[in-house]
């Protein structure tokens, strides 16, 4: 018995090798997308932290972001909490839409 690793790729059929390559490529794309998302979230959070809100609308936008981030947590998966989250986001959206637009 040898301690050398076995190359499974060499033992796969062409179809199996193509499927494996596809999965590896898809995983790399997924990881790259996740990293890009993390960077965008960090940039957005840096902007949200840069200055305090001047208007209630700016505060509402920050609250919407935080509520959406909370909704992604395991704690927020409860059906009752999801309903509260959706209602709060809906309330904020209606308030933002009803605000007169500044020229």
Protein backbone atom coordinates (compact mmCIF):
# COMPACT_ATOMS: atom_id res chain seq x y z
CA UNK A 1 0.00 0.00 0.00
CA UNK A 2 1.32 3.43 -0.90
CA UNK A 3 0.79 6.85 0.67
CA UNK A 4 0.71 8.54 -2.72
CA UNK A 5 -2.57 10.30 -3.49
CA UNK A 6 -4.76 8.77 -6.15
CA UNK A 7 -5.67 11.03 -9.07
CA UNK A 8 -9.40 10.51 -9.39
CA UNK A 9 -9.52 12.80 -12.41
CA UNK A 10 -7.50 10.28 -14.41
CA UNK A 11 -10.01 7.57 -13.56
CA UNK A 12 -13.12 9.49 -14.62
CA UNK A 13 -14.82 9.16 -17.97
CA UNK A 14 -14.84 12.17 -20.27
CA UNK A 15 -18.42 12.92 -19.25
CA UNK A 16 -17.52 12.57 -15.57
CA UNK A 17 -14.50 14.82 -16.01
CA UNK A 18 -16.64 17.46 -17.74
CA UNK A 19 -19.19 17.34 -14.92
CA UNK A 20 -16.41 17.67 -12.34
CA UNK A 21 -14.85 20.60 -14.19
CA UNK A 22 -18.26 22.27 -14.38
CA UNK A 23 -18.79 21.88 -10.60
CA UNK A 24 -15.31 23.23 -9.87
CA UNK A 25 -15.87 26.22 -12.17
CA UNK A 26 -19.31 26.90 -10.67
CA UNK A 27 -17.85 26.79 -7.15
CA UNK A 28 -15.09 29.25 -8.08
CA UNK A 29 -17.68 31.60 -9.61
CA UNK A 30 -19.87 31.29 -6.52
CA UNK A 31 -16.95 32.05 -4.21
CA UNK A 32 -15.96 35.06 -6.35
CA UNK A 33 -19.54 36.33 -6.29
CA UNK A 34 -19.68 35.93 -2.51
CA UNK A 35 -16.43 37.85 -2.11
CA UNK A 36 -17.71 40.65 -4.37
CA UNK A 37 -20.93 40.78 -2.33
CA UNK A 38 -18.96 41.02 0.93
CA UNK A 39 -16.92 43.89 -0.49
CA UNK A 40 -20.04 45.76 -1.66
CA UNK A 41 -21.65 45.28 1.76
CA UNK A 42 -18.53 46.61 3.47
CA UNK A 43 -18.50 49.66 1.19
CA UNK A 44 -22.20 50.32 1.79
CA UNK A 45 -21.80 49.96 5.54
CA UNK A 46 -18.84 52.34 5.49
CA UNK A 47 -21.03 54.90 3.71
CA UNK A 48 -23.88 54.34 6.18
CA UNK A 49 -21.47 54.86 9.08
CA UNK A 50 -19.74 57.88 7.55
CA UNK A 51 -22.24 60.48 8.72
CA UNK A 52 -25.35 60.55 10.89
CA UNK A 53 -28.69 60.81 9.10
CA UNK A 54 -29.87 64.36 8.46
CA UNK A 55 -33.45 63.51 7.50
CA UNK A 56 -35.86 60.86 8.65
CA UNK A 57 -35.76 59.41 5.12
CA UNK A 58 -32.01 58.77 5.40
CA UNK A 59 -32.65 57.13 8.76
CA UNK A 60 -35.42 55.01 7.21
CA UNK A 61 -33.09 53.79 4.45
CA UNK A 62 -30.50 52.79 7.08
CA UNK A 63 -33.22 51.03 9.09
CA UNK A 64 -34.37 49.13 5.99
CA UNK A 65 -30.81 47.93 5.40
CA UNK A 66 -30.40 46.78 8.99
CA UNK A 67 -33.78 45.03 9.00
CA UNK A 68 -32.89 43.20 5.77
CA UNK A 69 -29.54 42.11 7.22
CA UNK A 70 -31.30 40.89 10.39
CA UNK A 71 -33.80 38.98 8.22
CA UNK A 72 -30.89 36.91 6.87
CA UNK A 73 -29.91 35.63 10.33
CA UNK A 74 -30.96 32.30 11.80
CA UNK A 75 -32.75 34.04 14.65
CA UNK A 76 -35.04 35.87 12.22
CA UNK A 77 -36.21 32.71 10.43
CA UNK A 78 -39.15 32.34 12.81
CA UNK A 79 -42.43 32.85 10.88
CA UNK A 80 -43.68 35.48 13.34
CA UNK A 81 -40.46 37.47 13.08
CA UNK A 82 -40.53 37.21 9.28
CA UNK A 83 -44.04 38.66 9.29
CA UNK A 84 -42.91 41.53 11.54
CA UNK A 85 -39.90 42.16 9.31
CA UNK A 86 -42.05 42.27 6.17
CA UNK A 87 -44.54 44.64 7.81
CA UNK A 88 -41.80 46.95 9.07
CA UNK A 89 -40.13 47.04 5.64
CA UNK A 90 -43.51 47.69 4.02
CA UNK A 91 -44.24 50.52 6.46
CA UNK A 92 -40.88 52.14 5.79
CA UNK A 93 -41.34 51.79 2.02
CA UNK A 94 -44.78 53.42 2.17
CA UNK A 95 -43.46 56.29 4.29
CA UNK A 96 -40.54 56.85 1.94
CA UNK A 97 -42.83 56.79 -1.12
CA UNK A 98 -45.30 59.24 0.46
CA UNK A 99 -42.56 61.76 1.20
CA UNK A 100 -42.71 64.70 -1.20
CA UNK A 101 -39.77 64.64 -3.58
CA UNK A 102 -37.34 67.54 -3.32
CA UNK A 103 -36.54 69.31 -6.60
